[in-house]
C-alpha cells in the first residue's frame, strides 16, 4: 500500500469524478474514481472491430473485491461491474458493461 494518502489520487478537483456504487441488495453510496472509455479490438468471427471498454479506477477501500454483478452509475449511465481488478497497492480497476 502507498505511504501517501491514496485519496489524493481520486480528488474530484483533478481528474476524478463521482459515481454511485450500489451493491446487489445494498444501499447506494458515492465513490470517487477515474472513468475511462478505452478503445479495444474485438474479434467477431475473424473480423476485427474497434469497440469501447468502460473502466472505473478507484480506491480498493471503496469497492469490495466481490463486487462483480453490482451496479455503478457514472455520468448518468448505468453499468454492471463485470470484473474487479485490485492491483495490491490500494487501487482497483473495475471493468464495466453498459446496462
Protein backbone atom coordinates (compact mmCIF):
# COMPACT_ATOMS: atom_id res chain seq x y z
CA UNK A 1 0.00 0.00 0.00
CA UNK A 2 1.17 3.53 -0.70
CA UNK A 3 2.62 5.55 2.14
CA UNK A 4 0.87 8.73 0.96
CA UNK A 5 -2.88 9.27 1.15
CA UNK A 6 -4.37 7.44 -1.85
CA UNK A 7 -7.48 9.61 -1.69
CA UNK A 8 -5.40 12.42 -3.23
CA UNK A 9 -5.35 10.43 -6.48
CA UNK A 10 -9.14 10.40 -6.59
CA UNK A 11 -9.80 14.07 -5.80
CA UNK A 12 -12.72 15.38 -7.85
CA UNK A 13 -10.95 18.73 -8.20
CA UNK A 14 -8.47 17.00 -10.51
CA UNK A 15 -9.19 14.01 -12.77
CA UNK A 16 -11.63 12.00 -10.66
CA UNK A 17 -15.40 12.22 -10.67
CA UNK A 18 -18.20 10.94 -8.52
CA UNK A 19 -20.05 7.72 -9.26
CA UNK A 20 -22.79 5.86 -7.43
CA UNK A 21 -21.93 2.32 -6.36
CA UNK A 22 -24.85 0.06 -5.42
CA UNK A 23 -24.05 -3.43 -4.14
CA UNK A 24 -26.59 -6.12 -5.02
CA UNK A 25 -29.25 -5.85 -2.33
CA UNK A 26 -27.47 -2.98 -0.59
CA UNK A 27 -27.60 0.77 -0.24
CA UNK A 28 -26.12 3.16 -2.80
CA UNK A 29 -23.01 5.13 -1.89
CA UNK A 30 -20.93 7.76 -3.64
CA UNK A 31 -17.39 6.81 -4.67
CA UNK A 32 -14.71 8.86 -6.40
CA UNK A 33 -12.68 7.47 -9.25
CA UNK A 34 -11.39 7.92 -12.76
CA UNK A 35 -13.77 6.89 -15.53
CA UNK A 36 -12.37 5.94 -18.91
CA UNK A 37 -13.65 4.61 -22.21
CA UNK A 38 -10.76 2.63 -23.70
CA UNK A 39 -10.64 1.57 -27.34
CA UNK A 40 -10.21 -2.18 -27.73
CA UNK A 41 -10.08 -4.55 -30.68
CA UNK A 42 -12.89 -7.10 -30.67
CA UNK A 43 -12.63 -10.22 -32.82
CA UNK A 44 -16.04 -11.04 -34.28
CA UNK A 45 -15.76 -14.22 -36.33
CA UNK A 46 -12.28 -13.33 -37.54
CA UNK A 47 -13.26 -9.77 -38.36
CA UNK A 48 -11.55 -7.18 -36.11
CA UNK A 49 -13.87 -4.44 -34.93
CA UNK A 50 -12.93 -1.48 -32.73
CA UNK A 51 -15.05 -1.06 -29.64
CA UNK A 52 -15.11 0.75 -26.33
CA UNK A 53 -14.49 -0.73 -22.90
CA UNK A 54 -15.71 1.29 -19.91
CA UNK A 55 -13.50 1.24 -16.81
CA UNK A 56 -13.58 2.96 -13.43
CA UNK A 57 -10.45 3.14 -11.28
CA UNK A 58 -10.93 3.86 -7.59
CA UNK A 59 -9.68 3.17 -4.09
CA UNK A 60 -9.87 -0.51 -3.13
CA UNK A 61 -11.37 0.59 0.18
CA UNK A 62 -14.43 1.96 -1.67
CA UNK A 63 -15.36 -1.18 -3.62
CA UNK A 64 -15.36 -4.70 -2.15
CA UNK A 65 -13.43 -7.41 -4.01
CA UNK A 66 -16.61 -9.38 -4.65
CA UNK A 67 -18.36 -6.55 -6.50
CA UNK A 68 -18.92 -8.41 -9.78
CA UNK A 69 -22.59 -8.02 -10.72
CA UNK A 70 -23.07 -4.89 -8.63
CA UNK A 71 -24.17 -1.58 -10.16
CA UNK A 72 -22.17 1.57 -10.85
CA UNK A 73 -23.67 4.74 -12.28
CA UNK A 74 -21.24 7.17 -13.91
CA UNK A 75 -22.21 10.34 -15.82
CA UNK A 76 -25.85 9.29 -15.55
CA UNK A 77 -25.25 5.96 -17.29
CA UNK A 78 -25.91 2.66 -15.51
CA UNK A 79 -23.24 -0.05 -15.69
CA UNK A 80 -22.80 -3.52 -14.26
CA UNK A 81 -19.40 -4.34 -12.77
CA UNK A 82 -18.15 -7.32 -14.78
CA UNK A 83 -14.61 -7.65 -13.39
CA UNK A 84 -12.97 -6.25 -10.27
CA UNK A 85 -9.15 -5.95 -10.57
CA UNK A 86 -7.44 -4.84 -7.32
CA UNK A 87 -3.74 -4.22 -8.01
CA UNK A 88 -2.43 -4.78 -4.48
CA UNK A 89 -1.47 -1.12 -3.96
CA UNK A 90 -4.87 0.11 -2.79
CA UNK A 91 -6.20 0.80 -6.28
CA UNK A 92 -8.92 -1.20 -8.04
CA UNK A 93 -9.88 -1.11 -11.71
CA UNK A 94 -13.47 -2.05 -12.50
CA UNK A 95 -14.39 -3.36 -15.94
CA UNK A 96 -17.92 -2.20 -16.71
CA UNK A 97 -20.71 -3.20 -19.06
CA UNK A 98 -23.39 -0.72 -20.01
CA UNK A 99 -26.88 -1.80 -18.93
